Amino acid sequence: MSYCRSSSTLLLSLFLVLVMGCGSPNLSQRIAADRAAFEEWPPEVRELVETGKIEIGFTREQVRMAWGKPDNISMENTANGRFERWIYEKSSPGIGIGIGVGSVGRSSGVGGSVGTTVGGRSNIVALVRFQEGQVVSFEEARD
């Protein structure tokens, strides 16, 4: 029985490492990584960035610090000109857990696995448009 307990503990540990270890830097880490640039911005910009908000006129650097690295960057051509478009997505990874028990004669064994898949469900949660390096529009999905 202790073998089963240690196996399930190992599986749970692997699962937690996979789920918790796959993240991008959080807001405070992004600010700390480029504190010098952050300190040069006007107080109202710093306050918005510290709360994870952006505004029209923000630069790419300010948006990246407030919201992180975008999941997708593309160019958009419209009647009003050419825009750089940043897309932020929220992904739900596909995760599977399997545990197996087998027995042949007097021998038995326990096995297990934790797996993740690429291509889980993804939803766009924010879209930012830049023109000449500054935010000209942005959209955020409601919860």
C-alpha atoms as a PDB file:
ATOM      1  CA  MET A   1       0.000   0.000   0.000  1.00  0.00           C
ATOM      2  CA  SER A   2       2.840   2.465   0.677  1.00  0.00           C
ATOM      3  CA  TYR A   3       3.883   1.988  -2.959  1.00  0.00           C
ATOM      4  CA  CYS A   4       0.421   3.141  -4.083  1.00  0.00           C
ATOM      5  CA  ARG A   5       0.542   6.123  -1.729  1.00  0.00           C
ATOM      6  CA  SER A   6       4.002   7.219  -2.917  1.00  0.00           C
ATOM      7  CA  SER A   7       2.965   6.758  -6.571  1.00  0.00           C
ATOM      8  CA  SER A   8      -0.132   8.894  -6.136  1.00  0.00           C
ATOM      9  CA  THR A   9       1.915  11.535  -4.302  1.00  0.00           C
ATOM     10  CA  LEU A  10       4.415  11.569  -7.166  1.00  0.00           C
ATOM     11  CA  LEU A  11       1.616  11.889  -9.740  1.00  0.00           C
ATOM     12  CA  LEU A  12       0.003  14.734  -7.849  1.00  0.00           C
ATOM     13  CA  SER A  13       3.367  16.505  -7.568  1.00  0.00           C
ATOM     14  CA  LEU A  14       4.001  16.166 -11.308  1.00  0.00           C
ATOM     15  CA  PHE A  15       0.531  17.466 -12.060  1.00  0.00           C
ATOM     16  CA  LEU A  16       1.039  20.532  -9.861  1.00  0.00           C
ATOM     17  CA  VAL A  17       4.441  21.263 -11.413  1.00  0.00           C
ATOM     18  CA  LEU A  18       2.925  21.115 -14.884  1.00  0.00           C
ATOM     19  CA  VAL A  19      -0.030  23.321 -14.041  1.00  0.00           C
ATOM     20  CA  MET A  20       1.701  25.860 -11.799  1.00  0.00           C
ATOM     21  CA  GLY A  21       5.064  26.009 -13.558  1.00  0.00           C
ATOM     22  CA  CYS A  22       3.838  27.102 -16.954  1.00  0.00           C
ATOM     23  CA  GLY A  23       3.214  30.795 -16.540  1.00  0.00           C
ATOM     24  CA  SER A  24       4.555  34.102 -17.692  1.00  0.00           C
ATOM     25  CA  PRO A  25       5.975  36.731 -15.340  1.00  0.00           C
ATOM     26  CA  ASN A  26       3.343  38.451 -13.216  1.00  0.00           C
ATOM     27  CA  LEU A  27       2.818  42.203 -13.050  1.00  0.00           C
ATOM     28  CA  SER A  28       5.223  42.895 -10.168  1.00  0.00           C
ATOM     29  CA  GLN A  29       7.933  40.812 -11.856  1.00  0.00           C
ATOM     30  CA  ARG A  30       7.506  42.725 -15.127  1.00  0.00           C
ATOM     31  CA  ILE A  31       7.795  46.068 -13.313  1.00  0.00           C
ATOM     32  CA  ALA A  32      10.845  44.888 -11.340  1.00  0.00           C
ATOM     33  CA  ALA A  33      12.526  43.665 -14.539  1.00  0.00           C
ATOM     34  CA  ASP A  34      12.539  47.182 -16.023  1.00  0.00           C
ATOM     35  CA  ARG A  35      12.237  49.431 -12.966  1.00  0.00           C
ATOM     36  CA  ALA A  36      14.371  52.187 -14.566  1.00  0.00           C
ATOM     37  CA  ALA A  37      11.969  52.647 -17.499  1.00  0.00           C
ATOM     38  CA  PHE A  38       8.965  52.429 -15.167  1.00  0.00           C
ATOM     39  CA  GLU A  39      10.341  55.219 -12.938  1.00  0.00           C
ATOM     40  CA  GLU A  40      10.735  57.556 -15.943  1.00  0.00           C
ATOM     41  CA  TRP A  41       7.019  57.475 -16.798  1.00  0.00           C
ATOM     42  CA  PRO A  42       4.582  60.109 -15.490  1.00  0.00           C
ATOM     43  CA  PRO A  43       2.915  59.246 -12.142  1.00  0.00           C
ATOM     44  CA  GLU A  44      -0.513  58.689 -13.764  1.00  0.00           C
ATOM     45  CA  VAL A  45       0.980  56.153 -16.218  1.00  0.00           C
ATOM     46  CA  ARG A  46       2.847  54.338 -13.418  1.00  0.00           C
ATOM     47  CA  GLU A  47      -0.366  54.165 -11.371  1.00  0.00           C
ATOM     48  CA  LEU A  48      -2.315  52.631 -14.271  1.00  0.00           C
ATOM     49  CA  VAL A  49       0.458  50.130 -15.054  1.00  0.00           C
ATOM     50  CA  GLU A  50       0.671  49.117 -11.364  1.00  0.00           C
ATOM     51  CA  THR A  51      -3.027  48.207 -11.489  1.00  0.00           C
ATOM     52  CA  GLY A  52      -2.721  46.332 -14.791  1.00  0.00           C
ATOM     53  CA  LYS A  53      -4.578  48.955 -16.835  1.00  0.00           C
ATOM     54  CA  ILE A  54      -3.725  50.687 -20.095  1.00  0.00           C
ATOM     55  CA  GLU A  55      -4.959  53.840 -21.859  1.00  0.00           C
ATOM     56  CA  ILE A  56      -4.994  55.426 -25.299  1.00  0.00           C
ATOM     57  CA  GLY A  57      -1.526  56.847 -26.007  1.00  0.00           C
ATOM     58  CA  PHE A  58       0.417  54.142 -24.126  1.00  0.00           C
ATOM     59  CA  THR A  59       3.561  52.848 -25.810  1.00  0.00           C
ATOM     60  CA  ARG A  60       4.278  49.195 -26.596  1.00  0.00           C
ATOM     61  CA  GLU A  61       6.612  49.054 -23.589  1.00  0.00           C
ATOM     62  CA  GLN A  62       3.922  50.378 -21.244  1.00  0.00           C
ATOM     63  CA  VAL A  63       1.332  47.898 -22.530  1.00  0.00           C
ATOM     64  CA  ARG A  64       3.791  45.019 -22.306  1.00  0.00           C
ATOM     65  CA  MET A  65       4.576  45.935 -18.707  1.00  0.00           C
ATOM     66  CA  ALA A  66       0.890  46.322 -17.730  1.00  0.00           C
ATOM     67  CA  TRP A  67      -0.514  43.298 -19.576  1.00  0.00           C
ATOM     68  CA  GLY A  68       2.495  41.157 -20.423  1.00  0.00           C
ATOM     69  CA  LYS A  69       3.648  39.747 -23.711  1.00  0.00           C
ATOM     70  CA  PRO A  70       0.822  39.357 -26.248  1.00  0.00           C
ATOM     71  CA  ASP A  71      -0.066  35.904 -27.528  1.00  0.00           C
ATOM     72  CA  ASN A  72      -0.223  37.096 -31.112  1.00  0.00           C
ATOM     73  CA  ILE A  73       0.944  40.169 -33.038  1.00  0.00           C
ATOM     74  CA  SER A  74      -0.366  40.963 -36.510  1.00  0.00           C
ATOM     75  CA  MET A  75      -0.792  43.868 -38.896  1.00  0.00           C
ATOM     76  CA  GLU A  76      -4.221  45.210 -39.850  1.00  0.00           C
ATOM     77  CA  ASN A  77      -4.914  47.388 -42.892  1.00  0.00           C
ATOM     78  CA  THR A  78      -8.009  49.596 -42.767  1.00  0.00           C
ATOM     79  CA  ALA A  79      -9.354  52.713 -44.473  1.00  0.00           C
ATOM     80  CA  ASN A  80      -7.896  54.629 -41.503  1.00  0.00           C
ATOM     81  CA  GLY A  81      -4.404  53.271 -42.006  1.00  0.00           C
ATOM     82  CA  ARG A  82      -2.171  50.417 -40.959  1.00  0.00           C
ATOM     83  CA  PHE A  83      -2.343  49.148 -37.367  1.00  0.00           C
ATOM     84  CA  GLU A  84      -0.249  46.764 -35.334  1.00  0.00           C
ATOM     85  CA  ARG A  85      -2.629  44.486 -33.454  1.00  0.00           C
ATOM     86  CA  TRP A  86      -1.774  42.670 -30.207  1.00  0.00           C
ATOM     87  CA  ILE A  87      -4.037  39.831 -29.148  1.00  0.00           C
ATOM     88  CA  TYR A  88      -4.182  38.458 -25.613  1.00  0.00           C
ATOM     89  CA  GLU A  89      -5.765  35.044 -25.120  1.00  0.00           C
ATOM     90  CA  LYS A  90      -6.817  32.944 -22.191  1.00  0.00           C
ATOM     91  CA  SER A  91      -6.107  29.297 -22.841  1.00  0.00           C
ATOM     92  CA  SER A  92      -7.562  26.288 -21.125  1.00  0.00           C
ATOM     93  CA  PRO A  93      -4.976  23.538 -21.521  1.00  0.00           C
ATOM     94  CA  GLY A  94      -6.005  19.975 -22.119  1.00  0.00           C
ATOM     95  CA  ILE A  95      -4.793  17.932 -19.157  1.00  0.00           C
ATOM     96  CA  GLY A  96      -5.203  14.214 -18.688  1.00  0.00           C
ATOM     97  CA  ILE A  97      -4.447  12.028 -15.688  1.00  0.00           C
ATOM     98  CA  GLY A  98      -4.253   8.272 -15.856  1.00  0.00           C
ATOM     99  CA  ILE A  99      -3.716   5.675 -13.160  1.00  0.00           C
ATOM    100  CA  GLY A 100      -3.526   1.968 -13.856  1.00  0.00           C
ATOM    101  CA  VAL A 101      -3.309  -1.122 -11.694  1.00  0.00           C
ATOM    102  CA  GLY A 102      -2.412  -4.509 -13.076  1.00  0.00           C
ATOM    103  CA  SER A 103      -1.825  -8.006 -11.803  1.00  0.00           C
ATOM    104  CA  VAL A 104      -0.420 -11.188 -13.345  1.00  0.00           C
ATOM    105  CA  GLY A 105      -0.183 -14.192 -11.098  1.00  0.00           C
ATOM    106  CA  ARG A 106       1.607 -13.164  -7.919  1.00  0.00           C
ATOM    107  CA  SER A 107       3.002  -9.950  -9.411  1.00  0.00           C
ATOM    108  CA  SER A 108       1.191  -6.674  -9.457  1.00  0.00           C
ATOM    109  CA  GLY A 109       2.025  -3.131 -10.376  1.00  0.00           C
ATOM    110  CA  VAL A 110       0.729   0.397 -10.294  1.00  0.00           C
ATOM    111  CA  GLY A 111       1.404   2.986 -12.944  1.00  0.00           C
ATOM    112  CA  GLY A 112       0.269   6.451 -13.759  1.00  0.00           C
ATOM    113  CA  SER A 113       0.807   9.426 -15.986  1.00  0.00           C
ATOM    114  CA  VAL A 114       0.004  13.086 -16.304  1.00  0.00           C
ATOM    115  CA  GLY A 115      -0.123  14.658 -19.722  1.00  0.00           C
ATOM    116  CA  THR A 116      -0.882  17.999 -21.287  1.00  0.00           C
ATOM    117  CA  THR A 117      -1.974  18.663 -24.823  1.00  0.00           C
ATOM    118  CA  VAL A 118      -1.326  21.590 -27.089  1.00  0.00           C
ATOM    119  CA  GLY A 119      -4.352  23.212 -28.610  1.00  0.00           C
ATOM    120  CA  GLY A 120      -6.714  23.443 -25.689  1.00  0.00           C
ATOM    121  CA  ARG A 121      -9.579  25.919 -25.767  1.00  0.00           C
ATOM    122  CA  SER A 122      -8.505  29.534 -26.339  1.00  0.00           C
ATOM    123  CA  ASN A 123     -10.529  32.747 -26.027  1.00  0.00           C
ATOM    124  CA  ILE A 124      -9.482  36.274 -26.930  1.00  0.00           C
ATOM    125  CA  VAL A 125      -9.646  38.397 -23.786  1.00  0.00           C
ATOM    126  CA  ALA A 126      -8.061  41.621 -25.047  1.00  0.00           C
ATOM    127  CA  LEU A 127      -7.076  43.327 -28.266  1.00  0.00           C
ATOM    128  CA  VAL A 128      -4.808  46.388 -28.559  1.00  0.00           C
ATOM    129  CA  ARG A 129      -4.225  48.427 -31.720  1.00  0.00           C
ATOM    130  CA  PHE A 130      -1.106  50.546 -32.162  1.00  0.00           C
ATOM    131  CA  GLN A 131      -0.421  53.181 -34.769  1.00  0.00           C
ATOM    132  CA  GLU A 132       3.009  54.802 -34.910  1.00  0.00           C
ATOM    133  CA  GLY A 133       3.961  52.995 -31.695  1.00  0.00           C
ATOM    134  CA  GLN A 134       1.077  54.230 -29.547  1.00  0.00           C
ATOM    135  CA  VAL A 135      -2.222  52.690 -28.471  1.00  0.00           C
ATOM    136  CA  VAL A 136      -5.072  54.067 -30.567  1.00  0.00           C
ATOM    137  CA  SER A 137      -7.728  51.597 -29.397  1.00  0.00           C
ATOM    138  CA  PHE A 138      -8.167  48.597 -27.151  1.00  0.00           C
ATOM    139  CA  GLU A 139     -10.883  46.153 -26.210  1.00  0.00           C
ATOM    140  CA  GLU A 140     -11.237  43.924 -23.166  1.00  0.00           C
ATOM    141  CA  ALA A 141     -13.636  41.004 -22.834  1.00  0.00           C
ATOM    142  CA  ARG A 142     -16.003  41.104 -19.892  1.00  0.00           C
ATOM    143  CA  ASP A 143     -15.935  38.302 -17.347  1.00  0.00           C
END
